[in-house]
Amino acid sequence: MKSKIAGIAGLILVIVAMCGCDYLGKNGKEQVPEYVFTYAENQAEGYPTTVAAYRFAELVNQRSKGRIKINVFPGGELGDEVSVVEQLQYGGIDFARASIMTMGDLVPEMNILQLPYLYRGAEHMWAVLDGEIGQEFSLCLDNYGLTSLSWYDAGERNFYMTQEVSGLDDLKGKHIRVAKSKLMSSLITALGGIPIQMDYGEIYSALELGEIDGAENNWPSYESTDHYKVAPYMMMDGHNRIPELQMVSSITWKKLSAEDREMIRQCAQESSQYQQELWKQQEKDSRQKATNEGVMAIELSETEKQRFQDAVASIYEMYGEGYEELIQRIKEAAP
């Protein structure tokens, strides 16, 4: 009988571990959390940022020995990124992952990190984010009721269209969806297109119905949303690399001890490394899946890429005024 009970107890512990349940104390009972926090994520289950969010929550729960529980709400359950950031500011949401694209209108400094054709590649971007410059940008969030925890990767962004395109001239007069971002709208206008601000979940039907001619995003987002089925032409212009931030509300942050803050920062950094690994693989897998389904990845010549860069010079004048020295430091940062 004792062996059967021991076997059942062991099975229960395995199931608890597999399900990611709360920390169990020495007496085998579930630890009652001292804090229960919310975490907003607009991507779906299985997406690299969502998987990393769960990893972050799990690490915090383990290392706090069950005192801190973070409930992750994926798929935009708590609102779009703009509203989520607003809720973070007054403590309605505790933690979140958001693109700095949707933060640029609130935190103007963040527009600098997403200027078009700013980075030479992924290594250059991470040299900036992991260095002194990235720390300076993280600290500026303190002025907006937000506390930065770690950077996440979101890859390179390209234009994808319902009709075949071959270069800059094919964007003229085209209706192209962008997120709720003044900078991104300005980018489309500078390239000759017509920006259409639209919620993320509306893009597929808008492409299918011809309400827009295209959109722009990275390979994982393009593939995971099935946008490739209605817009099978991906023009590889690489106009942006837009990093993302894992953040906590400053109101929530002030509730925690210095020890808990340090522990949470460490968990966030570990989740960032995990997310970056997931992202690299997801980019490869998503591109392969889309091209296997007939998507045409259109490569541009260096001459054509230069035309794109020349066309967006006005963006640097509009959003880079007063930050010229900082922009030069970013460009000169060595990977």
Protein backbone atom coordinates (compact mmCIF):
# COMPACT_ATOMS: atom_id res chain seq x y z
CA MET A 1 0.00 0.00 0.00
CA LYS A 2 2.88 2.38 0.91
CA SER A 3 4.56 1.75 -2.43
CA LYS A 4 1.30 2.49 -4.29
CA ILE A 5 0.85 5.74 -2.38
CA ALA A 6 4.44 6.73 -3.11
CA GLY A 7 3.92 5.96 -6.78
CA ILE A 8 0.76 8.06 -6.94
CA ALA A 9 2.49 10.93 -5.15
CA GLY A 10 5.36 10.76 -7.59
CA LEU A 11 2.97 10.82 -10.54
CA ILE A 12 1.20 13.88 -9.14
CA LEU A 13 4.52 15.72 -8.81
CA VAL A 14 5.39 14.90 -12.43
CA ILE A 15 2.01 16.19 -13.62
CA VAL A 16 2.44 19.37 -11.56
CA ALA A 17 5.86 19.95 -13.11
CA MET A 18 4.58 19.34 -16.64
CA CYS A 19 1.64 21.69 -16.19
CA GLY A 20 3.78 24.49 -14.82
CA CYS A 21 1.71 24.66 -11.64
CA ASP A 22 2.67 26.85 -8.69
CA TYR A 23 5.55 26.09 -6.39
CA LEU A 24 4.90 23.40 -3.80
CA GLY A 25 6.23 23.90 -0.30
CA LYS A 26 8.08 21.31 1.79
CA ASN A 27 4.79 19.94 3.05
CA GLY A 28 3.69 19.25 -0.53
CA LYS A 29 0.98 21.90 -0.40
CA GLU A 30 0.68 24.67 -2.94
CA GLN A 31 2.39 27.87 -1.83
CA VAL A 32 -0.08 30.74 -1.50
CA PRO A 33 1.44 33.62 -3.51
CA GLU A 34 2.20 36.92 -1.81
CA TYR A 35 1.82 38.64 -5.18
CA VAL A 36 -0.25 37.69 -8.22
CA PHE A 37 0.63 39.77 -11.28
CA THR A 38 -0.64 40.06 -14.85
CA TYR A 39 1.51 39.85 -17.99
CA ALA A 40 0.13 41.05 -21.35
CA GLU A 41 1.31 39.53 -24.64
CA ASN A 42 -0.40 40.26 -27.96
CA GLN A 43 1.05 37.30 -29.85
CA ALA A 44 -0.55 33.86 -29.95
CA GLU A 45 0.37 30.70 -28.08
CA GLY A 46 3.55 29.14 -29.44
CA TYR A 47 5.02 32.42 -30.74
CA PRO A 48 8.61 33.05 -29.52
CA THR A 49 7.71 36.06 -27.38
CA THR A 50 4.78 34.19 -25.82
CA VAL A 51 6.86 31.11 -25.06
CA ALA A 52 9.53 33.32 -23.51
CA ALA A 53 6.90 35.12 -21.41
CA TYR A 54 5.83 31.78 -19.93
CA ARG A 55 9.48 30.93 -19.26
CA PHE A 56 9.91 34.27 -17.46
CA ALA A 57 6.81 33.68 -15.31
CA GLU A 58 7.97 30.15 -14.48
CA LEU A 59 11.46 31.31 -13.45
CA VAL A 60 10.06 34.04 -11.20
CA ASN A 61 7.66 31.61 -9.54
CA GLN A 62 10.41 29.07 -8.93
CA ARG A 63 13.00 31.48 -7.60
CA SER A 64 10.55 33.26 -5.34
CA LYS A 65 9.53 29.84 -4.01
CA GLY A 66 5.95 30.51 -5.00
CA ARG A 67 5.67 33.96 -3.41
CA ILE A 68 5.32 35.66 -6.81
CA LYS A 69 2.96 34.35 -9.45
CA ILE A 70 2.72 35.93 -12.90
CA ASN A 71 -0.28 35.04 -15.06
CA VAL A 72 0.45 35.41 -18.77
CA PHE A 73 -2.42 36.53 -21.04
CA PRO A 74 -1.49 35.89 -24.70
CA GLY A 75 -3.29 36.71 -27.93
CA GLY A 76 -4.08 40.30 -27.00
CA GLU A 77 -6.56 39.27 -24.28
CA LEU A 78 -5.74 42.41 -22.28
CA GLY A 79 -5.87 44.77 -25.26
CA ASP A 80 -3.66 45.90 -28.11
CA GLU A 81 -0.13 47.05 -27.38
CA VAL A 82 -0.98 50.75 -27.24
CA SER A 83 -3.67 50.22 -24.59
CA VAL A 84 -1.49 47.74 -22.73
CA VAL A 85 1.31 50.29 -22.37
CA GLU A 86 -1.23 52.84 -21.12
CA GLN A 87 -2.51 50.33 -18.56
CA LEU A 88 1.06 49.64 -17.45
CA GLN A 89 1.49 53.33 -16.68
CA TYR A 90 -1.28 53.38 -14.09
CA GLY A 91 -0.76 49.84 -12.82
CA GLY A 92 -3.78 48.21 -14.45
CA ILE A 93 -1.38 45.64 -15.90
CA ASP A 94 1.84 44.63 -14.15
CA PHE A 95 4.13 43.19 -16.85
CA ALA A 96 4.10 43.23 -20.64
CA ARG A 97 6.10 42.74 -23.80
CA ALA A 98 5.62 45.46 -26.39
CA SER A 99 7.24 46.61 -29.61
CA ILE A 100 8.93 49.98 -29.41
CA MET A 101 7.01 50.75 -32.62
CA THR A 102 3.84 51.21 -30.60
CA MET A 103 5.73 53.10 -27.89
CA GLY A 104 7.29 55.75 -30.11
CA ASP A 105 4.38 58.18 -29.88
CA LEU A 106 4.42 57.93 -26.06
CA VAL A 107 8.21 57.81 -25.63
CA PRO A 108 9.69 59.89 -28.49
CA GLU A 109 13.23 58.71 -27.74
CA MET A 110 12.23 55.20 -28.82
CA ASN A 111 11.71 56.42 -32.38
CA ILE A 112 15.48 56.69 -32.74
CA LEU A 113 15.97 52.93 -32.26
CA GLN A 114 13.52 52.15 -35.06
CA LEU A 115 14.67 54.58 -37.74
CA PRO A 116 14.61 52.89 -41.16
CA TYR A 117 17.78 51.22 -42.41
CA LEU A 118 19.56 52.16 -39.17
CA TYR A 119 21.26 48.82 -38.49
CA ARG A 120 23.70 46.90 -40.64
CA GLY A 121 22.22 43.64 -39.37
CA ALA A 122 21.22 41.72 -36.25
CA GLU A 123 24.71 41.75 -34.71
CA HIS A 124 24.89 45.52 -35.05
CA MET A 125 21.50 45.98 -33.38
CA TRP A 126 22.41 43.77 -30.42
CA ALA A 127 25.74 45.58 -30.02
CA VAL A 128 23.67 48.73 -29.55
CA LEU A 129 21.01 47.25 -27.26
CA ASP A 130 23.40 45.28 -25.04
CA GLY A 131 25.75 48.20 -24.63
CA GLU A 132 25.75 51.64 -23.07
CA ILE A 133 23.31 53.03 -25.64
CA GLY A 134 20.71 50.37 -24.88
CA GLN A 135 21.03 51.11 -21.16
CA GLU A 136 20.42 54.81 -21.80
CA PHE A 137 17.22 54.02 -23.68
CA SER A 138 16.07 51.65 -20.94
CA LEU A 139 16.52 54.31 -18.26
CA CYS A 140 14.48 56.88 -20.18
CA LEU A 141 11.34 54.78 -19.56
CA ASP A 142 11.49 55.77 -15.89
CA ASN A 143 10.08 59.15 -16.90
CA TYR A 144 6.91 57.50 -18.26
CA GLY A 145 5.86 55.24 -15.41
CA LEU A 146 7.55 52.21 -16.97
CA THR A 147 10.55 50.11 -15.97
CA SER A 148 12.56 48.23 -18.57
CA LEU A 149 13.55 44.63 -17.82
CA SER A 150 15.05 43.22 -21.03
CA TRP A 151 15.12 43.49 -24.81
CA TYR A 152 13.48 40.98 -27.14
CA ASP A 153 14.22 40.35 -30.80
CA ALA A 154 11.66 40.94 -33.56
CA GLY A 155 13.86 40.42 -36.58
CA GLU A 156 13.97 42.24 -39.86
CA ARG A 157 10.82 43.70 -41.41
CA ASN A 158 9.93 43.60 -45.10
CA PHE A 159 6.98 44.53 -47.29
CA TYR A 160 4.58 41.82 -48.40
CA MET A 161 2.06 42.47 -51.14
CA THR A 162 -0.93 40.91 -52.86
CA GLN A 163 0.62 41.58 -56.29
CA GLU A 164 4.17 41.04 -57.49
CA VAL A 165 6.60 43.88 -56.82
CA SER A 166 10.20 44.38 -57.78
CA GLY A 167 11.30 47.66 -56.21
CA LEU A 168 10.53 51.08 -54.83
CA ASP A 169 8.40 52.24 -57.75
CA ASP A 170 5.89 49.44 -57.13
CA LEU A 171 4.97 50.91 -53.73
CA LYS A 172 3.73 54.20 -55.17
CA GLY A 173 0.03 54.71 -54.56
CA LYS A 174 -0.34 51.36 -52.78
CA HIS A 175 -2.40 51.11 -49.60
CA ILE A 176 -0.14 49.55 -46.99
CA ARG A 177 -1.16 48.61 -43.47
CA VAL A 178 0.92 49.91 -40.58
CA ALA A 179 0.57 49.76 -36.82
CA LYS A 180 -0.62 52.76 -34.84
CA SER A 181 2.66 54.61 -35.20
CA LYS A 182 3.32 58.04 -36.63
CA LEU A 183 6.84 57.06 -37.62
CA MET A 184 5.67 54.03 -39.59
CA SER A 185 3.00 56.09 -41.34
CA SER A 186 5.68 58.64 -42.23
CA LEU A 187 7.86 55.83 -43.59
CA ILE A 188 5.18 54.58 -45.96
CA THR A 189 4.47 58.11 -47.16
CA ALA A 190 8.18 58.74 -47.80
CA LEU A 191 8.30 55.59 -49.94
CA GLY A 192 5.34 56.75 -52.01
CA GLY A 193 2.68 54.54 -50.45
CA ILE A 194 -0.52 55.34 -48.59
CA PRO A 195 -0.37 54.29 -44.91
CA ILE A 196 -3.45 52.60 -43.46
CA GLN A 197 -3.40 52.26 -39.67
CA MET A 198 -5.22 49.08 -38.79
CA ASP A 199 -5.44 46.63 -35.89
CA TYR A 200 -3.27 43.55 -36.26
CA GLY A 201 -6.21 41.15 -36.31
CA GLU A 202 -7.86 42.89 -39.26
CA ILE A 203 -5.00 42.53 -41.74
CA TYR A 204 -5.87 39.12 -43.21
CA SER A 205 -9.41 40.02 -44.22
CA ALA A 206 -8.30 43.45 -45.49
CA LEU A 207 -5.72 41.80 -47.75
CA GLU A 208 -8.20 39.17 -48.89
CA LEU A 209 -10.89 41.74 -49.70
CA GLY A 210 -8.50 44.12 -51.44
CA GLU A 211 -8.97 46.87 -48.88
CA ILE A 212 -5.18 47.12 -48.64
CA ASP A 213 -2.47 46.14 -51.13
CA GLY A 214 0.07 45.01 -48.61
CA ALA A 215 1.58 45.24 -45.15
CA GLU A 216 4.98 44.92 -43.53
CA ASN A 217 6.36 42.67 -40.84
CA ASN A 218 8.87 39.94 -40.03
CA TRP A 219 8.76 36.36 -41.33
CA PRO A 220 7.33 34.71 -38.17
CA SER A 221 4.42 37.18 -37.94
CA TYR A 222 3.77 36.92 -41.67
CA GLU A 223 3.69 33.13 -41.59
CA SER A 224 1.98 32.51 -38.24
CA THR A 225 -1.00 34.71 -39.20
CA ASP A 226 -1.36 33.05 -42.63
CA HIS A 227 -0.90 36.41 -44.34
CA TYR A 228 1.29 34.64 -46.89
CA LYS A 229 -1.82 32.93 -48.24
CA VAL A 230 -3.34 36.23 -49.40
CA ALA A 231 -0.17 38.30 -49.94
CA PRO A 232 2.42 35.91 -51.41
CA TYR A 233 5.05 38.45 -52.49
CA MET A 234 7.68 39.37 -49.89
CA MET A 235 10.00 42.19 -50.96
CA MET A 236 13.22 41.88 -48.97
CA ASP A 237 14.02 45.53 -48.39
CA GLY A 238 14.74 45.14 -44.65
CA HIS A 239 13.45 48.61 -43.84
CA ASN A 240 13.39 48.14 -40.05
CA ARG A 241 14.75 46.11 -37.21
CA ILE A 242 12.46 47.10 -34.36
CA PRO A 243 13.46 45.70 -30.96
CA GLU A 244 10.88 44.93 -28.32
CA LEU A 245 10.84 45.52 -24.58
CA GLN A 246 9.85 43.41 -21.64
CA MET A 247 8.58 45.90 -19.06
CA VAL A 248 6.96 46.25 -15.67
CA SER A 249 4.73 49.02 -14.37
CA SER A 250 6.68 51.38 -12.10
CA ILE A 251 3.74 51.18 -9.68
CA THR A 252 4.16 47.41 -9.45
CA TRP A 253 7.94 47.70 -9.27
CA LYS A 254 7.79 49.92 -6.19
CA LYS A 255 5.87 47.23 -4.31
CA LEU A 256 8.78 44.82 -4.51
CA SER A 257 11.88 44.50 -2.37
CA ALA A 258 15.35 45.18 -3.79
CA GLU A 259 16.04 41.43 -3.67
CA ASP A 260 12.88 40.59 -5.62
CA ARG A 261 13.67 43.26 -8.20
CA GLU A 262 17.14 41.87 -8.79
CA MET A 263 15.76 38.35 -9.07
CA ILE A 264 13.08 39.43 -11.57
CA ARG A 265 15.64 41.32 -13.68
CA GLN A 266 17.78 38.20 -13.83
CA CYS A 267 14.78 36.09 -14.88
CA ALA A 268 13.93 38.67 -17.55
CA GLN A 269 17.47 38.57 -18.93
CA GLU A 270 17.38 34.78 -19.07
CA SER A 271 14.03 34.88 -20.85
CA SER A 272 15.55 37.33 -23.34
CA GLN A 273 18.37 34.94 -24.21
CA TYR A 274 15.83 32.15 -24.53
CA GLN A 275 13.61 34.27 -26.78
CA GLN A 276 16.52 35.19 -29.04
CA GLU A 277 17.34 31.51 -29.57
CA LEU A 278 13.69 30.71 -30.30
CA TRP A 279 13.49 33.67 -32.68
CA LYS A 280 16.45 32.62 -34.82
CA GLN A 281 14.96 29.20 -35.37
CA GLN A 282 11.43 30.55 -35.92
CA GLU A 283 12.67 32.97 -38.59
CA LYS A 284 14.24 30.11 -40.53
CA ASP A 285 11.23 27.84 -40.10
CA SER A 286 8.68 30.50 -41.03
CA ARG A 287 10.52 31.56 -44.17
CA GLN A 288 10.95 27.95 -45.22
CA LYS A 289 7.28 27.15 -44.67
CA ALA A 290 6.08 30.23 -46.54
CA THR A 291 8.37 29.70 -49.53
CA ASN A 292 7.41 26.01 -49.62
CA GLU A 293 3.82 27.21 -49.97
CA GLY A 294 4.73 29.32 -52.99
CA VAL A 295 5.69 32.67 -51.49
CA MET A 296 8.10 34.60 -53.68
CA ALA A 297 10.95 36.19 -51.69
CA ILE A 298 12.08 39.07 -53.87
CA GLU A 299 15.70 40.08 -53.32
CA LEU A 300 16.78 43.62 -54.18
CA SER A 301 20.03 44.80 -55.70
CA GLU A 302 22.30 47.07 -53.69
CA THR A 303 21.42 49.89 -56.07
CA GLU A 304 17.70 49.41 -55.43
CA LYS A 305 18.22 49.20 -51.67
CA GLN A 306 20.06 52.50 -51.83
CA ARG A 307 17.03 54.06 -53.52
CA PHE A 308 14.92 53.02 -50.52
CA GLN A 309 17.44 54.52 -48.11
CA ASP A 310 17.63 57.77 -50.05
CA ALA A 311 13.83 58.03 -50.06
CA VAL A 312 13.59 57.99 -46.26
CA ALA A 313 16.08 60.79 -45.58
CA SER A 314 13.16 62.97 -44.50
CA ILE A 315 12.36 60.51 -41.69
CA TYR A 316 15.72 61.24 -40.08
CA GLU A 317 15.01 64.97 -40.31
CA MET A 318 11.54 64.59 -38.78
CA TYR A 319 12.34 62.21 -35.92
CA GLY A 320 16.09 62.60 -35.47
CA GLU A 321 16.25 66.33 -34.82
CA GLY A 322 18.19 66.92 -31.62
CA TYR A 323 19.45 63.33 -31.59
CA GLU A 324 22.05 63.61 -34.36
CA GLU A 325 24.96 62.72 -32.09
CA LEU A 326 23.13 59.70 -30.69
CA ILE A 327 22.22 58.45 -34.17
CA GLN A 328 25.88 58.73 -35.18
CA ARG A 329 26.92 56.74 -32.08
CA ILE A 330 24.43 54.02 -33.07
CA LYS A 331 25.73 53.88 -36.62
CA GLU A 332 29.31 53.62 -35.42
CA ALA A 333 28.64 50.93 -32.78
CA ALA A 334 30.70 47.85 -33.57
CA PRO A 335 29.19 44.35 -33.31
